[in-house]
């Protein structure tokens, strides 16, 4: 009575092709590719290019929110100046962005 999905097709109807069953799955994969995978790859390439182009004097932001000026670049370690006579070593992978020129931090009174 309620098991219509389990019944075999009637003799007059043919079975659905395997390709027709795969079309919705392929359609979902294409949507995921253009909405999730492709933008993530593009963003990852941009970040990698920014990290490769780091040089002394660049103002950067780390993933922990630390703002600083690059004073030294090693293979995987970047040395930042965060205040006068204060230098901090951070890994290159923790750098997430270059600081905008117009957003220099100000001291609150």
Foldseek 3Di string as FASTA:
>chain_A
DPVPVVDDDDPVDDDDDPVVVCVVVVVVVVVCCVPPVVVVVVLVVVLVVVLVPDDFQFWFAFQVGQTFTFHDDDDFWTWTDRDVVDIDIDGSVRTDGTDDPPCDDDDDD
